[in-house]
Amino acid sequence: MTEPLTTQVFRVWIRSTPEKIWTAITDPEWTVKYGYAAPAHFELKPGGSYQSVPTQEMRDFAKENNWPMPDVIVDGEVIEADPPRLLKQTWRMLMDPSTAAEPFTTLTYLIEELKSQPGVCRLTLTHELTGAPATSTMVAGSPLDEAGGGGWAWVLSDLKSLLETGTAMNGRG
């Protein structure tokens, strides 16, 4: 088995504005529309809290499968917030005992408008995962999974679809 990467970088180019991308990342009314559809709540200042909570659908699925579901599924702290360009935060997945036992990781969103392509932004997500092999494996995603196990690449693709078409890959929007 190969050692998981300690830093993973994902990029996506989105036909949108930095402001719309920022809002889609930081506003719980948007975060429920793409990816894993869990509302994310940010206190957008250094030292501010970050929490993502399960939806009722997630709670029902966990109950049906006899899985524990915590009230907070991802937590962390804002390190830096420079809207609409940069968000740096700590991040820890609490839904799985193996990732919950690992230390906080660092997640950075960088939104850059392209001068050569007006109306297009490059979103770079960098996830620093030192000391967190289970989290590293999870966020890398599985190339064989057709839905929820796609990690950050899948989440960013879904975000792009939502912002460009008004509809996420699963039809939400």
Protein backbone atom coordinates (compact mmCIF):
# COMPACT_ATOMS: atom_id res chain seq x y z
CA MET A 1 0.00 0.00 0.00
CA THR A 2 1.34 3.44 -0.86
CA GLU A 3 1.63 6.20 1.72
CA PRO A 4 -1.16 8.81 1.35
CA LEU A 5 -0.12 12.24 0.14
CA THR A 6 0.40 14.77 2.91
CA THR A 7 -0.52 17.70 0.63
CA GLN A 8 -3.21 17.39 -2.00
CA VAL A 9 -3.95 20.12 -4.53
CA PHE A 10 -7.13 20.28 -6.61
CA ARG A 11 -7.95 22.88 -9.27
CA VAL A 12 -11.05 23.69 -11.24
CA TRP A 13 -11.78 26.51 -13.67
CA ILE A 14 -15.24 27.99 -13.26
CA ARG A 15 -17.11 30.44 -15.49
CA SER A 16 -18.23 32.66 -12.62
CA THR A 17 -17.15 35.60 -10.49
CA PRO A 18 -14.94 35.40 -7.40
CA GLU A 19 -17.85 36.72 -5.33
CA LYS A 20 -20.22 33.96 -6.45
CA ILE A 21 -17.61 31.26 -5.85
CA TRP A 22 -16.84 32.69 -2.39
CA THR A 23 -20.55 32.72 -1.51
CA ALA A 24 -20.99 29.13 -2.75
CA ILE A 25 -18.13 28.00 -0.46
CA THR A 26 -19.07 29.97 2.65
CA ASP A 27 -22.88 30.35 2.69
CA PRO A 28 -24.88 27.42 4.14
CA GLU A 29 -27.75 28.19 1.75
CA TRP A 30 -25.31 27.32 -1.06
CA THR A 31 -23.33 24.49 0.56
CA VAL A 32 -26.51 22.38 0.77
CA LYS A 33 -26.81 22.49 -3.04
CA TYR A 34 -23.63 20.62 -4.03
CA GLY A 35 -21.08 18.08 -2.86
CA TYR A 36 -22.27 16.18 0.18
CA ALA A 37 -25.03 18.80 0.73
CA ALA A 38 -24.15 19.49 4.36
CA PRO A 39 -24.64 23.09 5.47
CA ALA A 40 -21.33 24.78 6.36
CA HIS A 41 -21.28 27.56 8.92
CA PHE A 42 -18.32 29.95 9.04
CA GLU A 43 -17.41 32.76 11.37
CA LEU A 44 -15.29 34.49 8.72
CA LYS A 45 -12.51 36.01 10.83
CA PRO A 46 -9.22 34.66 12.17
CA GLY A 47 -10.02 32.39 15.09
CA GLY A 48 -13.64 32.09 13.95
CA SER A 49 -15.40 28.76 14.08
CA TYR A 50 -16.24 26.46 11.18
CA GLN A 51 -18.80 23.67 11.44
CA SER A 52 -20.64 21.50 8.99
CA VAL A 53 -23.72 19.71 10.25
CA PRO A 54 -25.62 16.70 8.94
CA THR A 55 -28.83 17.11 7.00
CA GLN A 56 -31.94 15.21 8.04
CA GLU A 57 -31.32 12.92 5.05
CA MET A 58 -27.85 12.09 6.43
CA ARG A 59 -29.27 11.45 9.90
CA ASP A 60 -31.99 9.17 8.49
CA PHE A 61 -29.47 7.21 6.39
CA ALA A 62 -27.18 6.75 9.40
CA LYS A 63 -30.09 5.60 11.57
CA GLU A 64 -31.28 3.10 8.94
CA ASN A 65 -27.76 1.65 8.75
CA ASN A 66 -27.10 1.73 12.52
CA TRP A 67 -24.24 4.21 12.14
CA PRO A 68 -23.59 6.91 14.70
CA MET A 69 -24.08 10.44 13.37
CA PRO A 70 -22.56 13.30 15.37
CA ASP A 71 -24.31 16.67 15.57
CA VAL A 72 -21.25 18.25 13.90
CA ILE A 73 -19.72 16.25 11.04
CA VAL A 74 -16.78 18.55 10.19
CA ASP A 75 -15.23 21.20 12.39
CA GLY A 76 -12.36 23.62 12.38
CA GLU A 77 -11.24 27.18 12.78
CA VAL A 78 -10.77 30.02 10.32
CA ILE A 79 -7.11 30.99 10.02
CA GLU A 80 -7.47 33.67 7.34
CA ALA A 81 -10.44 35.09 5.44
CA ASP A 82 -9.91 37.58 2.61
CA PRO A 83 -13.20 37.66 0.67
CA PRO A 84 -13.59 36.85 -2.17
CA ARG A 85 -10.07 35.55 -2.79
CA LEU A 86 -8.70 33.47 0.08
CA LEU A 87 -10.05 31.24 2.83
CA LYS A 88 -7.67 29.26 5.02
CA GLN A 89 -9.01 27.06 7.80
CA THR A 90 -8.38 24.01 9.90
CA TRP A 91 -10.55 21.01 9.06
CA ARG A 92 -11.39 17.70 10.74
CA MET A 93 -13.95 15.08 9.65
CA LEU A 94 -15.90 13.79 12.67
CA MET A 95 -18.29 11.32 10.96
CA ASP A 96 -15.74 8.51 10.89
CA PRO A 97 -13.89 7.40 14.05
CA SER A 98 -10.58 7.01 12.16
CA THR A 99 -10.63 10.58 10.78
CA ALA A 100 -12.05 12.03 14.01
CA ALA A 101 -9.04 10.62 15.90
CA GLU A 102 -6.57 12.41 13.61
CA PRO A 103 -5.29 15.95 14.11
CA PHE A 104 -6.81 18.97 12.40
CA THR A 105 -5.67 19.42 8.81
CA THR A 106 -5.38 22.71 6.91
CA LEU A 107 -7.57 23.59 3.97
CA THR A 108 -6.95 26.61 1.72
CA TYR A 109 -9.26 27.93 -0.99
CA LEU A 110 -7.67 30.37 -3.45
CA ILE A 111 -9.95 32.07 -5.98
CA GLU A 112 -8.19 33.82 -8.88
CA GLU A 113 -9.78 35.70 -11.75
CA LEU A 114 -8.04 34.92 -15.03
CA LYS A 115 -6.85 37.99 -16.91
CA SER A 116 -6.58 35.98 -20.12
CA GLN A 117 -10.15 34.61 -19.80
CA PRO A 118 -12.57 37.30 -18.58
CA GLY A 119 -15.42 35.77 -16.61
CA VAL A 120 -13.41 32.66 -15.66
CA CYS A 121 -11.85 31.97 -12.26
CA ARG A 122 -9.42 29.31 -11.14
CA LEU A 123 -10.30 27.78 -7.79
CA THR A 124 -7.38 26.00 -6.13
CA LEU A 125 -8.05 23.91 -3.05
CA THR A 126 -4.95 22.84 -1.12
CA HIS A 127 -5.39 20.35 1.69
CA GLU A 128 -2.41 19.84 4.01
CA LEU A 129 -2.82 16.44 5.64
CA THR A 130 0.31 15.79 7.71
CA GLY A 131 -0.36 13.13 10.33
CA ALA A 132 -3.80 12.34 8.92
CA PRO A 133 -3.54 9.27 6.65
CA ALA A 134 -7.23 8.27 6.94
CA THR A 135 -8.36 11.79 6.08
CA SER A 136 -5.84 11.90 3.22
CA THR A 137 -7.26 8.71 1.73
CA MET A 138 -10.84 9.92 2.15
CA VAL A 139 -10.41 13.37 0.55
CA ALA A 140 -8.39 11.91 -2.35
CA GLY A 141 -11.54 10.04 -3.35
CA SER A 142 -11.83 6.82 -5.24
CA PRO A 143 -11.64 6.89 -9.03
CA LEU A 144 -13.97 3.88 -9.05
CA ASP A 145 -16.74 5.51 -7.01
CA GLU A 146 -19.49 7.06 -9.09
CA ALA A 147 -20.86 9.36 -6.39
CA GLY A 148 -20.10 10.09 -2.76
CA GLY A 149 -16.59 8.71 -2.53
CA GLY A 150 -15.11 11.17 -4.98
CA GLY A 151 -13.46 13.38 -2.38
CA TRP A 152 -12.48 16.96 -3.17
CA ALA A 153 -12.31 16.43 -6.95
CA TRP A 154 -15.97 15.37 -6.91
CA VAL A 155 -17.03 18.25 -4.62
CA LEU A 156 -15.29 20.84 -6.83
CA SER A 157 -16.75 19.35 -10.00
CA ASP A 158 -20.20 19.56 -8.45
CA LEU A 159 -19.59 23.17 -7.38
CA LYS A 160 -18.53 24.03 -10.94
CA SER A 161 -21.66 22.39 -12.38
CA LEU A 162 -23.90 24.26 -9.96
CA LEU A 163 -22.34 27.67 -10.61
CA GLU A 164 -22.20 27.29 -14.39
CA THR A 165 -25.56 25.62 -15.03
CA GLY A 166 -27.64 26.32 -11.94
CA THR A 167 -27.91 22.59 -11.27
CA ALA A 168 -25.57 20.28 -9.35
CA MET A 169 -24.69 16.86 -10.79
CA ASN A 170 -27.37 15.18 -8.65
CA GLY A 171 -30.04 17.59 -9.89
CA ARG A 172 -30.06 19.88 -6.84
CA GLY A 173 -29.90 23.58 -7.48
